Amino acid sequence: MTDRRATSRVRAHILVSGRVQGVGYRAFAARVATQRKLVGGARNLDDGRVELDVEGAKDLIESLVADLHVGPPAARVTGVIVEWNPATDRFTDFQVWY
C-alpha cells in the first residue's frame, strides 16, 4: 500500500496581501509550515506582499493556506493567491528568506 501523501507532492507559489509585513507574518508562516512538515520559504516583496514557495502534500498545503488567510494576531490579510505546480524537490526545510 502506497502512502497517498508520498505520491501527491506539489508546489504552491503563494502571494499574501494586506498588512503582512512587520507583523511577524513570515515567522508565523514558517512555524505553521514546519509543523506540517512542509518545505520551502517565505520572503517580503517590495510591494508589501509576502511571497511563499511551499512544497509537500497538497492537503497539508491547503491547510497551510487556510491559516495564511488569518495570519498572526497583528496581521490583516486581504488576499491570498495560490498557483499550483509540480514539486521541484529543491527544498529541504522551511526558511524565512531576506
Protein backbone atom coordinates (compact mmCIF):
# COMPACT_ATOMS: atom_id res chain seq x y z
CA MET A 1 0.00 0.00 0.00
CA THR A 2 1.39 3.41 -1.01
CA ASP A 3 1.08 6.48 1.19
CA ARG A 4 -1.14 8.89 -0.76
CA ARG A 5 0.82 11.88 0.52
CA ALA A 6 4.07 10.50 -0.86
CA THR A 7 2.59 10.39 -4.35
CA SER A 8 0.83 13.77 -4.24
CA ARG A 9 3.72 16.17 -3.58
CA VAL A 10 3.09 19.53 -5.18
CA ARG A 11 4.48 23.05 -5.15
CA ALA A 12 2.44 26.12 -4.30
CA HIS A 13 3.53 29.66 -5.12
CA ILE A 14 1.56 31.86 -2.73
CA LEU A 15 1.17 35.64 -2.60
CA VAL A 16 -0.37 37.16 0.52
CA SER A 17 -1.51 40.78 0.58
CA GLY A 18 -2.71 43.12 3.30
CA ARG A 19 -0.91 44.18 6.45
CA VAL A 20 1.55 41.30 6.35
CA GLN A 21 4.96 42.93 6.73
CA GLY A 22 6.39 43.99 10.08
CA VAL A 23 3.85 41.88 11.99
CA GLY A 24 5.66 38.52 12.27
CA TYR A 25 3.89 37.05 9.26
CA ARG A 26 6.91 35.24 7.77
CA ALA A 27 7.79 33.71 11.16
CA PHE A 28 4.16 32.65 11.56
CA ALA A 29 4.16 31.06 8.09
CA ALA A 30 7.43 29.25 8.81
CA ARG A 31 6.15 27.89 12.13
CA VAL A 32 2.88 26.64 10.63
CA ALA A 33 4.60 25.16 7.56
CA THR A 34 7.22 23.40 9.70
CA GLN A 35 4.50 21.94 11.94
CA ARG A 36 3.01 20.38 8.80
CA LYS A 37 6.43 19.10 7.62
CA LEU A 38 6.25 21.34 4.54
CA VAL A 39 9.39 22.76 2.92
CA GLY A 40 10.17 25.99 1.10
CA GLY A 41 10.39 29.57 2.24
CA ALA A 42 8.78 32.97 2.71
CA ARG A 43 10.01 36.45 1.83
CA ASN A 44 8.78 40.03 1.87
CA LEU A 45 8.23 41.66 -1.51
CA ASP A 46 8.91 45.32 -2.24
CA ASP A 47 5.20 45.89 -2.95
CA GLY A 48 4.19 44.99 0.63
CA ARG A 49 3.10 41.40 -0.02
CA VAL A 50 4.62 38.21 1.35
CA GLU A 51 5.60 35.51 -1.13
CA LEU A 52 5.83 31.83 -0.21
CA ASP A 53 7.12 28.85 -2.14
CA VAL A 54 5.92 25.68 -0.44
CA GLU A 55 6.27 22.00 -1.31
CA GLY A 56 4.64 18.96 0.21
CA ALA A 57 1.37 17.08 0.27
CA LYS A 58 -1.42 19.09 -1.35
CA ASP A 59 -3.83 18.56 1.55
CA LEU A 60 -1.25 19.90 4.02
CA ILE A 61 -0.54 22.93 1.83
CA GLU A 62 -4.29 23.58 1.59
CA SER A 63 -4.41 23.51 5.39
CA LEU A 64 -1.50 25.98 5.50
CA VAL A 65 -3.31 28.26 3.05
CA ALA A 66 -6.34 28.32 5.37
CA ASP A 67 -4.07 29.52 8.19
CA LEU A 68 -2.40 32.07 5.91
CA HIS A 69 -5.79 33.72 5.39
CA VAL A 70 -5.79 34.51 9.11
CA GLY A 71 -2.10 35.05 9.90
CA PRO A 72 -0.67 36.18 13.25
CA PRO A 73 -2.72 38.50 15.50
CA ALA A 74 -1.26 41.79 14.19
CA ALA A 75 -1.75 40.87 10.52
CA ARG A 76 -4.71 41.90 8.40
CA VAL A 77 -4.83 39.62 5.37
CA THR A 78 -6.82 40.96 2.42
CA GLY A 79 -5.90 38.37 -0.20
CA VAL A 80 -4.19 35.04 -0.79
CA ILE A 81 -3.38 33.87 -4.32
CA VAL A 82 -2.19 30.29 -4.85
CA GLU A 83 -0.63 28.92 -8.03
CA TRP A 84 -0.17 25.14 -8.12
CA ASN A 85 2.79 23.47 -9.86
CA PRO A 86 4.66 20.16 -9.80
CA ALA A 87 7.08 19.78 -6.89
CA THR A 88 10.73 20.57 -7.62
CA ASP A 89 12.21 18.82 -4.57
CA ARG A 90 14.76 21.61 -4.25
CA PHE A 91 13.93 22.46 -0.62
CA THR A 92 14.96 20.51 2.49
CA ASP A 93 13.28 22.65 5.18
CA PHE A 94 11.23 25.83 5.53
CA GLN A 95 13.12 29.11 5.78
CA VAL A 96 12.46 32.81 6.15
CA TRP A 97 14.28 34.49 3.27
CA TYR A 98 15.67 38.00 3.49
